Full PDB file with SEQRES, HELIX, SHEET, SSBOND, CRYST1, ORIGX, SCALE, CONECT and MASTER records, all heavy atoms in Angstrom:
SEQRES   1 A   33  ILE ASP ARG ILE TYR LEU ASN PHE SER ASP PRO TRP PRO          
SEQRES   2 A   33  LYS VAL ARG HIS HIS PHE ARG ARG LEU THR SER LYS ILE          
SEQRES   3 A   33  PHE LEU ASP LYS TYR ASP LYS                                  
HELIX    1 AA1 VAL A   15  ARG A   20  5                                   6    
HELIX    2 AA2 LYS A   25  ASP A   32  1                                   8    
CRYST1    1.000    1.000    1.000  90.00  90.00  90.00 P 1           1          
ORIGX1      1.000000  0.000000  0.000000        0.00000                         
ORIGX2      0.000000  1.000000  0.000000        0.00000                         
ORIGX3      0.000000  0.000000  1.000000        0.00000                         
SCALE1      1.000000  0.000000  0.000000        0.00000                         
SCALE2      0.000000  1.000000  0.000000        0.00000                         
SCALE3      0.000000  0.000000  1.000000        0.00000                         
ATOM      1  N   ILE A   1     -14.968   0.269  -7.184  1.00  0.00           N  
ATOM      2  CA  ILE A   1     -14.112   1.457  -7.128  1.00  0.00           C  
ATOM      3  C   ILE A   1     -13.540   1.785  -8.497  1.00  0.00           C  
ATOM      4  O   ILE A   1     -13.116   0.864  -9.260  1.00  0.00           O  
ATOM      5  CB  ILE A   1     -12.932   1.244  -6.125  1.00  0.00           C  
ATOM      6  CG1 ILE A   1     -13.459   0.929  -4.736  1.00  0.00           C  
ATOM      7  CG2 ILE A   1     -11.989   2.462  -6.128  1.00  0.00           C  
ATOM      8  CD1 ILE A   1     -14.321   1.988  -4.141  1.00  0.00           C  
ATOM      9  N   ASP A   2     -13.491   3.089  -8.858  1.00  0.00           N  
ATOM     10  CA  ASP A   2     -12.926   3.501 -10.093  1.00  0.00           C  
ATOM     11  C   ASP A   2     -11.504   4.073  -9.935  1.00  0.00           C  
ATOM     12  O   ASP A   2     -10.715   3.959 -10.885  1.00  0.00           O  
ATOM     13  CB  ASP A   2     -13.805   4.545 -10.759  1.00  0.00           C  
ATOM     14  CG  ASP A   2     -15.125   3.930 -11.163  1.00  0.00           C  
ATOM     15  OD1 ASP A   2     -15.214   3.313 -12.253  1.00  0.00           O  
ATOM     16  OD2 ASP A   2     -16.114   4.080 -10.390  1.00  0.00           O  
ATOM     17  N   ARG A   3     -11.235   4.667  -8.808  1.00  0.00           N  
ATOM     18  CA  ARG A   3      -9.916   5.293  -8.599  1.00  0.00           C  
ATOM     19  C   ARG A   3      -9.591   5.249  -7.109  1.00  0.00           C  
ATOM     20  O   ARG A   3     -10.445   5.498  -6.290  1.00  0.00           O  
ATOM     21  CB  ARG A   3      -9.847   6.705  -9.110  1.00  0.00           C  
ATOM     22  CG  ARG A   3      -8.470   7.390  -8.962  1.00  0.00           C  
ATOM     23  CD  ARG A   3      -8.486   8.798  -9.500  1.00  0.00           C  
ATOM     24  NE  ARG A   3      -8.748   8.833 -10.919  1.00  0.00           N  
ATOM     25  CZ  ARG A   3      -8.943   9.956 -11.634  1.00  0.00           C  
ATOM     26  NH1 ARG A   3      -8.898  11.125 -11.002  1.00  0.00           N  
ATOM     27  NH2 ARG A   3      -9.110   9.889 -12.941  1.00  0.00           N  
ATOM     28  N   ILE A   4      -8.321   5.029  -6.782  1.00  0.00           N  
ATOM     29  CA  ILE A   4      -7.792   5.136  -5.449  1.00  0.00           C  
ATOM     30  C   ILE A   4      -6.738   6.207  -5.383  1.00  0.00           C  
ATOM     31  O   ILE A   4      -5.777   6.232  -6.207  1.00  0.00           O  
ATOM     32  CB  ILE A   4      -7.156   3.782  -5.010  1.00  0.00           C  
ATOM     33  CG1 ILE A   4      -8.268   2.723  -4.889  1.00  0.00           C  
ATOM     34  CG2 ILE A   4      -6.473   3.961  -3.640  1.00  0.00           C  
ATOM     35  CD1 ILE A   4      -7.732   1.329  -4.519  1.00  0.00           C  
ATOM     36  N   TYR A   5      -6.852   7.114  -4.405  1.00  0.00           N  
ATOM     37  CA  TYR A   5      -5.850   8.126  -4.143  1.00  0.00           C  
ATOM     38  C   TYR A   5      -5.002   7.717  -2.927  1.00  0.00           C  
ATOM     39  O   TYR A   5      -5.581   7.339  -1.917  1.00  0.00           O  
ATOM     40  CB  TYR A   5      -6.485   9.487  -3.851  1.00  0.00           C  
ATOM     41  CG  TYR A   5      -7.128  10.187  -4.998  1.00  0.00           C  
ATOM     42  CD1 TYR A   5      -8.548  10.229  -5.090  1.00  0.00           C  
ATOM     43  CD2 TYR A   5      -6.367  10.763  -6.036  1.00  0.00           C  
ATOM     44  CE1 TYR A   5      -9.138  10.908  -6.178  1.00  0.00           C  
ATOM     45  CE2 TYR A   5      -7.015  11.427  -7.071  1.00  0.00           C  
ATOM     46  CZ  TYR A   5      -8.367  11.463  -7.154  1.00  0.00           C  
ATOM     47  OH  TYR A   5      -8.956  12.093  -8.177  1.00  0.00           O  
ATOM     48  N   LEU A   6      -3.743   7.738  -3.082  1.00  0.00           N  
ATOM     49  CA  LEU A   6      -2.776   7.471  -1.969  1.00  0.00           C  
ATOM     50  C   LEU A   6      -1.916   8.727  -1.804  1.00  0.00           C  
ATOM     51  O   LEU A   6      -0.977   8.929  -2.555  1.00  0.00           O  
ATOM     52  CB  LEU A   6      -1.899   6.247  -2.263  1.00  0.00           C  
ATOM     53  CG  LEU A   6      -2.636   4.936  -2.561  1.00  0.00           C  
ATOM     54  CD1 LEU A   6      -1.626   3.836  -2.930  1.00  0.00           C  
ATOM     55  CD2 LEU A   6      -3.496   4.510  -1.363  1.00  0.00           C  
ATOM     56  N   ASN A   7      -2.272   9.559  -0.873  1.00  0.00           N  
ATOM     57  CA  ASN A   7      -1.629  10.822  -0.692  1.00  0.00           C  
ATOM     58  C   ASN A   7      -0.832  10.831   0.602  1.00  0.00           C  
ATOM     59  O   ASN A   7      -1.337  10.763   1.666  1.00  0.00           O  
ATOM     60  CB  ASN A   7      -2.624  11.979  -0.667  1.00  0.00           C  
ATOM     61  CG  ASN A   7      -3.314  12.190  -2.008  1.00  0.00           C  
ATOM     62  OD1 ASN A   7      -2.692  12.076  -3.034  1.00  0.00           O  
ATOM     63  ND2 ASN A   7      -4.609  12.490  -1.964  1.00  0.00           N  
ATOM     64  N   PHE A   8       0.507  10.915   0.419  1.00  0.00           N  
ATOM     65  CA  PHE A   8       1.399  11.034   1.586  1.00  0.00           C  
ATOM     66  C   PHE A   8       1.209   9.935   2.651  1.00  0.00           C  
ATOM     67  O   PHE A   8       1.069  10.212   3.819  1.00  0.00           O  
ATOM     68  CB  PHE A   8       1.319  12.459   2.160  1.00  0.00           C  
ATOM     69  CG  PHE A   8       1.603  13.512   1.145  1.00  0.00           C  
ATOM     70  CD1 PHE A   8       0.557  14.077   0.379  1.00  0.00           C  
ATOM     71  CD2 PHE A   8       2.873  13.873   0.837  1.00  0.00           C  
ATOM     72  CE1 PHE A   8       0.821  14.979  -0.604  1.00  0.00           C  
ATOM     73  CE2 PHE A   8       3.187  14.757  -0.176  1.00  0.00           C  
ATOM     74  CZ  PHE A   8       2.137  15.362  -0.912  1.00  0.00           C  
ATOM     75  N   SER A   9       1.157   8.736   2.119  1.00  0.00           N  
ATOM     76  CA  SER A   9       0.983   7.538   3.006  1.00  0.00           C  
ATOM     77  C   SER A   9       2.189   7.362   3.885  1.00  0.00           C  
ATOM     78  O   SER A   9       3.259   7.773   3.522  1.00  0.00           O  
ATOM     79  CB  SER A   9       0.702   6.327   2.138  1.00  0.00           C  
ATOM     80  OG  SER A   9      -0.308   6.514   1.197  1.00  0.00           O  
ATOM     81  N   ASP A  10       1.978   6.672   4.974  1.00  0.00           N  
ATOM     82  CA  ASP A  10       3.081   6.353   5.866  1.00  0.00           C  
ATOM     83  C   ASP A  10       4.153   5.560   5.077  1.00  0.00           C  
ATOM     84  O   ASP A  10       3.807   4.491   4.467  1.00  0.00           O  
ATOM     85  CB  ASP A  10       2.560   5.531   7.041  1.00  0.00           C  
ATOM     86  CG  ASP A  10       3.581   5.342   8.150  1.00  0.00           C  
ATOM     87  OD1 ASP A  10       4.849   5.313   7.903  1.00  0.00           O  
ATOM     88  OD2 ASP A  10       3.177   5.255   9.326  1.00  0.00           O  
ATOM     89  N   PRO A  11       5.391   5.989   5.055  1.00  0.00           N  
ATOM     90  CA  PRO A  11       6.436   5.303   4.216  1.00  0.00           C  
ATOM     91  C   PRO A  11       6.919   4.027   4.879  1.00  0.00           C  
ATOM     92  O   PRO A  11       7.610   3.248   4.157  1.00  0.00           O  
ATOM     93  CB  PRO A  11       7.546   6.320   4.117  1.00  0.00           C  
ATOM     94  CG  PRO A  11       7.433   7.167   5.306  1.00  0.00           C  
ATOM     95  CD  PRO A  11       5.922   7.253   5.623  1.00  0.00           C  
ATOM     96  N   TRP A  12       6.659   3.770   6.104  1.00  0.00           N  
ATOM     97  CA  TRP A  12       7.169   2.570   6.783  1.00  0.00           C  
ATOM     98  C   TRP A  12       8.579   2.260   6.309  1.00  0.00           C  
ATOM     99  O   TRP A  12       8.828   1.279   5.631  1.00  0.00           O  
ATOM    100  CB  TRP A  12       6.245   1.378   6.481  1.00  0.00           C  
ATOM    101  CG  TRP A  12       4.864   1.550   7.085  1.00  0.00           C  
ATOM    102  CD1 TRP A  12       3.719   1.828   6.419  1.00  0.00           C  
ATOM    103  CD2 TRP A  12       4.526   1.376   8.478  1.00  0.00           C  
ATOM    104  NE1 TRP A  12       2.640   1.897   7.285  1.00  0.00           N  
ATOM    105  CE2 TRP A  12       3.082   1.606   8.552  1.00  0.00           C  
ATOM    106  CE3 TRP A  12       5.216   1.096   9.619  1.00  0.00           C  
ATOM    107  CZ2 TRP A  12       2.427   1.557   9.753  1.00  0.00           C  
ATOM    108  CZ3 TRP A  12       4.554   1.074  10.876  1.00  0.00           C  
ATOM    109  CH2 TRP A  12       3.136   1.295  10.868  1.00  0.00           C  
ATOM    110  N   PRO A  13       9.552   3.044   6.757  1.00  0.00           N  
ATOM    111  CA  PRO A  13      10.902   2.987   6.222  1.00  0.00           C  
ATOM    112  C   PRO A  13      11.675   1.705   6.590  1.00  0.00           C  
ATOM    113  O   PRO A  13      12.586   1.313   5.825  1.00  0.00           O  
ATOM    114  CB  PRO A  13      11.563   4.216   6.879  1.00  0.00           C  
ATOM    115  CG  PRO A  13      10.778   4.549   8.066  1.00  0.00           C  
ATOM    116  CD  PRO A  13       9.375   4.160   7.726  1.00  0.00           C  
ATOM    117  N   LYS A  14      11.367   1.079   7.678  1.00  0.00           N  
ATOM    118  CA  LYS A  14      12.116  -0.154   8.047  1.00  0.00           C  
ATOM    119  C   LYS A  14      11.713  -1.282   7.120  1.00  0.00           C  
ATOM    120  O   LYS A  14      10.568  -1.524   6.849  1.00  0.00           O  
ATOM    121  CB  LYS A  14      11.835  -0.523   9.499  1.00  0.00           C  
ATOM    122  CG  LYS A  14      12.383   0.501  10.495  1.00  0.00           C  
ATOM    123  CD  LYS A  14      12.110   0.042  11.954  1.00  0.00           C  
ATOM    124  CE  LYS A  14      12.674   1.104  12.936  1.00  0.00           C  
ATOM    125  NZ  LYS A  14      12.426   0.693  14.351  1.00  0.00           N  
ATOM    126  N   VAL A  15      12.763  -2.044   6.664  1.00  0.00           N  
ATOM    127  CA  VAL A  15      12.490  -3.127   5.736  1.00  0.00           C  
ATOM    128  C   VAL A  15      11.464  -4.108   6.216  1.00  0.00           C  
ATOM    129  O   VAL A  15      10.630  -4.588   5.470  1.00  0.00           O  
ATOM    130  CB  VAL A  15      13.823  -3.842   5.420  1.00  0.00           C  
ATOM    131  CG1 VAL A  15      13.596  -5.053   4.536  1.00  0.00           C  
ATOM    132  CG2 VAL A  15      14.793  -2.881   4.702  1.00  0.00           C  
ATOM    133  N   ARG A  16      11.535  -4.408   7.513  1.00  0.00           N  
ATOM    134  CA  ARG A  16      10.563  -5.437   8.029  1.00  0.00           C  
ATOM    135  C   ARG A  16       9.125  -4.933   8.054  1.00  0.00           C  
ATOM    136  O   ARG A  16       8.226  -5.755   8.257  1.00  0.00           O  
ATOM    137  CB  ARG A  16      11.011  -5.827   9.490  1.00  0.00           C  
ATOM    138  CG  ARG A  16      10.844  -4.778  10.522  1.00  0.00           C  
ATOM    139  CD  ARG A  16      11.205  -5.329  11.944  1.00  0.00           C  
ATOM    140  NE  ARG A  16      11.037  -4.361  12.995  1.00  0.00           N  
ATOM    141  CZ  ARG A  16      11.930  -3.505  13.398  1.00  0.00           C  
ATOM    142  NH1 ARG A  16      13.136  -3.484  12.841  1.00  0.00           N  
ATOM    143  NH2 ARG A  16      11.700  -2.674  14.420  1.00  0.00           N  
ATOM    144  N   HIS A  17       8.943  -3.658   7.816  1.00  0.00           N  
ATOM    145  CA  HIS A  17       7.595  -3.072   7.770  1.00  0.00           C  
ATOM    146  C   HIS A  17       7.109  -2.767   6.321  1.00  0.00           C  
ATOM    147  O   HIS A  17       6.026  -2.263   6.187  1.00  0.00           O  
ATOM    148  CB  HIS A  17       7.521  -1.789   8.574  1.00  0.00           C  
ATOM    149  CG  HIS A  17       7.710  -2.046  10.061  1.00  0.00           C  
ATOM    150  ND1 HIS A  17       8.174  -1.084  10.911  1.00  0.00           N  
ATOM    151  CD2 HIS A  17       7.450  -3.120  10.799  1.00  0.00           C  
ATOM    152  CE1 HIS A  17       8.252  -1.534  12.170  1.00  0.00           C  
ATOM    153  NE2 HIS A  17       7.794  -2.762  12.110  1.00  0.00           N  
ATOM    154  N   HIS A  18       7.897  -3.089   5.309  1.00  0.00           N  
ATOM    155  CA  HIS A  18       7.504  -2.725   3.939  1.00  0.00           C  
ATOM    156  C   HIS A  18       6.189  -3.317   3.515  1.00  0.00           C  
ATOM    157  O   HIS A  18       5.484  -2.734   2.690  1.00  0.00           O  
ATOM    158  CB  HIS A  18       8.617  -3.152   2.982  1.00  0.00           C  
ATOM    159  CG  HIS A  18       9.795  -2.190   2.959  1.00  0.00           C  
ATOM    160  ND1 HIS A  18      10.821  -2.333   2.043  1.00  0.00           N  
ATOM    161  CD2 HIS A  18      10.105  -1.177   3.729  1.00  0.00           C  
ATOM    162  CE1 HIS A  18      11.701  -1.375   2.274  1.00  0.00           C  
ATOM    163  NE2 HIS A  18      11.254  -0.659   3.281  1.00  0.00           N  
ATOM    164  N   PHE A  19       5.786  -4.421   4.090  1.00  0.00           N  
ATOM    165  CA  PHE A  19       4.512  -5.051   3.727  1.00  0.00           C  
ATOM    166  C   PHE A  19       3.346  -4.180   4.126  1.00  0.00           C  
ATOM    167  O   PHE A  19       2.230  -4.334   3.630  1.00  0.00           O  
ATOM    168  CB  PHE A  19       4.426  -6.427   4.378  1.00  0.00           C  
ATOM    169  CG  PHE A  19       4.209  -6.450   5.836  1.00  0.00           C  
ATOM    170  CD1 PHE A  19       2.917  -6.468   6.400  1.00  0.00           C  
ATOM    171  CD2 PHE A  19       5.285  -6.383   6.713  1.00  0.00           C  
ATOM    172  CE1 PHE A  19       2.758  -6.427   7.773  1.00  0.00           C  
ATOM    173  CE2 PHE A  19       5.110  -6.346   8.107  1.00  0.00           C  
ATOM    174  CZ  PHE A  19       3.849  -6.383   8.625  1.00  0.00           C  
ATOM    175  N   ARG A  20       3.588  -3.207   5.060  1.00  0.00           N  
ATOM    176  CA  ARG A  20       2.493  -2.317   5.479  1.00  0.00           C  
ATOM    177  C   ARG A  20       2.263  -1.129   4.542  1.00  0.00           C  
ATOM    178  O   ARG A  20       1.288  -0.448   4.625  1.00  0.00           O  
ATOM    179  CB  ARG A  20       2.794  -1.789   6.872  1.00  0.00           C  
ATOM    180  CG  ARG A  20       2.901  -2.859   7.971  1.00  0.00           C  
ATOM    181  CD  ARG A  20       3.178  -2.196   9.301  1.00  0.00           C  
ATOM    182  NE  ARG A  20       3.347  -3.210  10.359  1.00  0.00           N  
ATOM    183  CZ  ARG A  20       3.559  -2.940  11.654  1.00  0.00           C  
ATOM    184  NH1 ARG A  20       3.637  -1.644  12.005  1.00  0.00           N  
ATOM    185  NH2 ARG A  20       3.707  -3.904  12.538  1.00  0.00           N  
ATOM    186  N   ARG A  21       3.206  -0.952   3.579  1.00  0.00           N  
ATOM    187  CA  ARG A  21       3.035   0.140   2.688  1.00  0.00           C  
ATOM    188  C   ARG A  21       1.831  -0.088   1.820  1.00  0.00           C  
ATOM    189  O   ARG A  21       1.534  -1.162   1.387  1.00  0.00           O  
ATOM    190  CB  ARG A  21       4.325   0.254   1.786  1.00  0.00           C  
ATOM    191  CG  ARG A  21       5.529   0.723   2.532  1.00  0.00           C  
ATOM    192  CD  ARG A  21       6.797   0.699   1.727  1.00  0.00           C  
ATOM    193  NE  ARG A  21       7.877   1.397   2.362  1.00  0.00           N  
ATOM    194  CZ  ARG A  21       9.122   1.471   1.854  1.00  0.00           C  
ATOM    195  NH1 ARG A  21       9.400   0.961   0.685  1.00  0.00           N  
ATOM    196  NH2 ARG A  21      10.041   2.205   2.532  1.00  0.00           N  
ATOM    197  N   LEU A  22       1.126   0.988   1.481  1.00  0.00           N  
ATOM    198  CA  LEU A  22      -0.108   0.919   0.739  1.00  0.00           C  
ATOM    199  C   LEU A  22       0.078   0.514  -0.712  1.00  0.00           C  
ATOM    200  O   LEU A  22      -0.941   0.314  -1.445  1.00  0.00           O  
ATOM    201  CB  LEU A  22      -0.916   2.207   0.854  1.00  0.00           C  
ATOM    202  CG  LEU A  22      -1.406   2.492   2.252  1.00  0.00           C  
ATOM    203  CD1 LEU A  22      -2.215   3.831   2.310  1.00  0.00           C  
ATOM    204  CD2 LEU A  22      -2.303   1.397   2.824  1.00  0.00           C  
ATOM    205  N   THR A  23       1.342   0.391  -1.150  1.00  0.00           N  
ATOM    206  CA  THR A  23       1.612  -0.092  -2.470  1.00  0.00           C  
ATOM    207  C   THR A  23       2.383  -1.454  -2.455  1.00  0.00           C  
ATOM    208  O   THR A  23       2.977  -1.859  -3.432  1.00  0.00           O  
ATOM    209  CB  THR A  23       2.422   0.930  -3.344  1.00  0.00           C  
ATOM    210  OG1 THR A  23       3.548   1.366  -2.550  1.00  0.00           O  
ATOM    211  CG2 THR A  23       1.537   2.118  -3.692  1.00  0.00           C  
ATOM    212  N   SER A  24       2.342  -2.078  -1.318  1.00  0.00           N  
ATOM    213  CA  SER A  24       2.923  -3.448  -1.216  1.00  0.00           C  
ATOM    214  C   SER A  24       2.056  -4.444  -1.939  1.00  0.00           C  
ATOM    215  O   SER A  24       0.872  -4.142  -2.259  1.00  0.00           O  
ATOM    216  CB  SER A  24       3.094  -3.867   0.264  1.00  0.00           C  
ATOM    217  OG  SER A  24       1.822  -4.134   0.830  1.00  0.00           O  
ATOM    218  N   LYS A  25       2.612  -5.589  -2.225  1.00  0.00           N  
ATOM    219  CA  LYS A  25       1.884  -6.619  -2.967  1.00  0.00           C  
ATOM    220  C   LYS A  25       0.595  -6.981  -2.213  1.00  0.00           C  
ATOM    221  O   LYS A  25      -0.484  -7.250  -2.790  1.00  0.00           O  
ATOM    222  CB  LYS A  25       2.716  -7.882  -3.169  1.00  0.00           C  
ATOM    223  CG  LYS A  25       2.028  -8.967  -3.984  1.00  0.00           C  
ATOM    224  CD  LYS A  25       2.865 -10.185  -4.160  1.00  0.00           C  
ATOM    225  CE  LYS A  25       2.199 -11.218  -5.054  1.00  0.00           C  
ATOM    226  NZ  LYS A  25       0.898 -11.663  -4.519  1.00  0.00           N  
ATOM    227  N   ILE A  26       0.662  -6.991  -0.842  1.00  0.00           N  
ATOM    228  CA  ILE A  26      -0.486  -7.320  -0.050  1.00  0.00           C  
ATOM    229  C   ILE A  26      -1.648  -6.402  -0.348  1.00  0.00           C  
ATOM    230  O   ILE A  26      -2.779  -6.832  -0.579  1.00  0.00           O  
ATOM    231  CB  ILE A  26      -0.125  -7.250   1.448  1.00  0.00           C  
ATOM    232  CG1 ILE A  26       0.774  -8.383   1.858  1.00  0.00           C  
ATOM    233  CG2 ILE A  26      -1.428  -7.266   2.312  1.00  0.00           C  
ATOM    234  CD1 ILE A  26       1.327  -8.304   3.272  1.00  0.00           C  
ATOM    235  N   PHE A  27      -1.372  -5.110  -0.400  1.00  0.00           N  
ATOM    236  CA  PHE A  27      -2.466  -4.124  -0.694  1.00  0.00           C  
ATOM    237  C   PHE A  27      -2.880  -4.147  -2.155  1.00  0.00           C  
ATOM    238  O   PHE A  27      -4.056  -4.041  -2.485  1.00  0.00           O  
ATOM    239  CB  PHE A  27      -2.051  -2.749  -0.260  1.00  0.00           C  
ATOM    240  CG  PHE A  27      -2.184  -2.536   1.209  1.00  0.00           C  
ATOM    241  CD1 PHE A  27      -1.108  -2.601   2.090  1.00  0.00           C  
ATOM    242  CD2 PHE A  27      -3.406  -2.206   1.780  1.00  0.00           C  
ATOM    243  CE1 PHE A  27      -1.234  -2.423   3.441  1.00  0.00           C  
ATOM    244  CE2 PHE A  27      -3.582  -2.026   3.124  1.00  0.00           C  
ATOM    245  CZ  PHE A  27      -2.472  -2.164   3.956  1.00  0.00           C  
ATOM    246  N   LEU A  28      -1.921  -4.285  -3.045  1.00  0.00           N  
ATOM    247  CA  LEU A  28      -2.231  -4.313  -4.472  1.00  0.00           C  
ATOM    248  C   LEU A  28      -3.144  -5.463  -4.814  1.00  0.00           C  
ATOM    249  O   LEU A  28      -4.053  -5.352  -5.654  1.00  0.00           O  
ATOM    250  CB  LEU A  28      -0.986  -4.325  -5.315  1.00  0.00           C  
ATOM    251  CG  LEU A  28      -0.107  -3.116  -5.291  1.00  0.00           C  
ATOM    252  CD1 LEU A  28       1.111  -3.249  -6.229  1.00  0.00           C  
ATOM    253  CD2 LEU A  28      -0.835  -1.845  -5.636  1.00  0.00           C  
ATOM    254  N   ASP A  29      -2.932  -6.611  -4.144  1.00  0.00           N  
ATOM    255  CA  ASP A  29      -3.822  -7.719  -4.366  1.00  0.00           C  
ATOM    256  C   ASP A  29      -5.217  -7.478  -3.812  1.00  0.00           C  
ATOM    257  O   ASP A  29      -6.222  -7.882  -4.380  1.00  0.00           O  
ATOM    258  CB  ASP A  29      -3.254  -9.000  -3.663  1.00  0.00           C  
ATOM    259  CG  ASP A  29      -2.029  -9.536  -4.396  1.00  0.00           C  
ATOM    260  OD1 ASP A  29      -1.770  -9.148  -5.539  1.00  0.00           O  
ATOM    261  OD2 ASP A  29      -1.314 -10.378  -3.767  1.00  0.00           O  
ATOM    262  N   LYS A  30      -5.288  -6.728  -2.705  1.00  0.00           N  
ATOM    263  CA  LYS A  30      -6.630  -6.369  -2.140  1.00  0.00           C  
ATOM    264  C   LYS A  30      -7.336  -5.366  -3.096  1.00  0.00           C  
ATOM    265  O   LYS A  30      -8.523  -5.494  -3.310  1.00  0.00           O  
ATOM    266  CB  LYS A  30      -6.445  -5.775  -0.742  1.00  0.00           C  
ATOM    267  CG  LYS A  30      -6.161  -6.747   0.325  1.00  0.00           C  
ATOM    268  CD  LYS A  30      -6.007  -6.137   1.693  1.00  0.00           C  
ATOM    269  CE  LYS A  30      -5.808  -7.143   2.753  1.00  0.00           C  
ATOM    270  NZ  LYS A  30      -7.028  -7.907   3.041  1.00  0.00           N  
ATOM    271  N   TYR A  31      -6.589  -4.459  -3.704  1.00  0.00           N  
ATOM    272  CA  TYR A  31      -7.214  -3.504  -4.622  1.00  0.00           C  
ATOM    273  C   TYR A  31      -7.842  -4.219  -5.828  1.00  0.00           C  
ATOM    274  O   TYR A  31      -8.828  -3.757  -6.381  1.00  0.00           O  
ATOM    275  CB  TYR A  31      -6.187  -2.489  -5.107  1.00  0.00           C  
ATOM    276  CG  TYR A  31      -5.516  -1.671  -3.997  1.00  0.00           C  
ATOM    277  CD1 TYR A  31      -4.242  -1.083  -4.205  1.00  0.00           C  
ATOM    278  CD2 TYR A  31      -6.104  -1.515  -2.749  1.00  0.00           C  
ATOM    279  CE1 TYR A  31      -3.599  -0.366  -3.196  1.00  0.00           C  
ATOM    280  CE2 TYR A  31      -5.476  -0.754  -1.754  1.00  0.00           C  
ATOM    281  CZ  TYR A  31      -4.232  -0.208  -1.962  1.00  0.00           C  
ATOM    282  OH  TYR A  31      -3.625   0.516  -0.990  1.00  0.00           O  
ATOM    283  N   ASP A  32      -7.217  -5.389  -6.215  1.00  0.00           N  
ATOM    284  CA  ASP A  32      -7.810  -6.134  -7.316  1.00  0.00           C  
ATOM    285  C   ASP A  32      -9.260  -6.485  -7.074  1.00  0.00           C  
ATOM    286  O   ASP A  32     -10.055  -6.597  -8.016  1.00  0.00           O  
ATOM    287  CB  ASP A  32      -7.030  -7.433  -7.555  1.00  0.00           C  
ATOM    288  CG  ASP A  32      -5.668  -7.183  -8.224  1.00  0.00           C  
ATOM    289  OD1 ASP A  32      -5.444  -6.133  -8.784  1.00  0.00           O  
ATOM    290  OD2 ASP A  32      -4.808  -8.134  -8.148  1.00  0.00           O  
ATOM    291  N   LYS A  33      -9.571  -6.672  -5.798  1.00  0.00           N  
ATOM    292  CA  LYS A  33     -10.930  -7.123  -5.445  1.00  0.00           C  
ATOM    293  C   LYS A  33     -11.938  -5.961  -5.326  1.00  0.00           C  
ATOM    294  O   LYS A  33     -13.150  -6.213  -5.366  1.00  0.00           O  
ATOM    295  CB  LYS A  33     -10.861  -7.842  -4.077  1.00  0.00           C  
ATOM    296  CG  LYS A  33     -10.008  -9.070  -4.049  1.00  0.00           C  
ATOM    297  CD  LYS A  33      -9.892  -9.654  -2.666  1.00  0.00           C  
ATOM    298  CE  LYS A  33      -8.932 -10.825  -2.600  1.00  0.00           C  
ATOM    299  NZ  LYS A  33      -8.798 -11.392  -1.238  1.00  0.00           N  
TER     300      LYS A  33                                                      
MASTER        0    0    0    2    0    0    0    6  299    1    0    3          
END                                                                             
């Protein structure tokens, strides 16, 4: 992949759901791959 677009992703506002955000560490680590 050369570029990822994240447009108007679900904000998951509750703190316990922040890991689901597409810019959480969980996803950023996956993007590395």
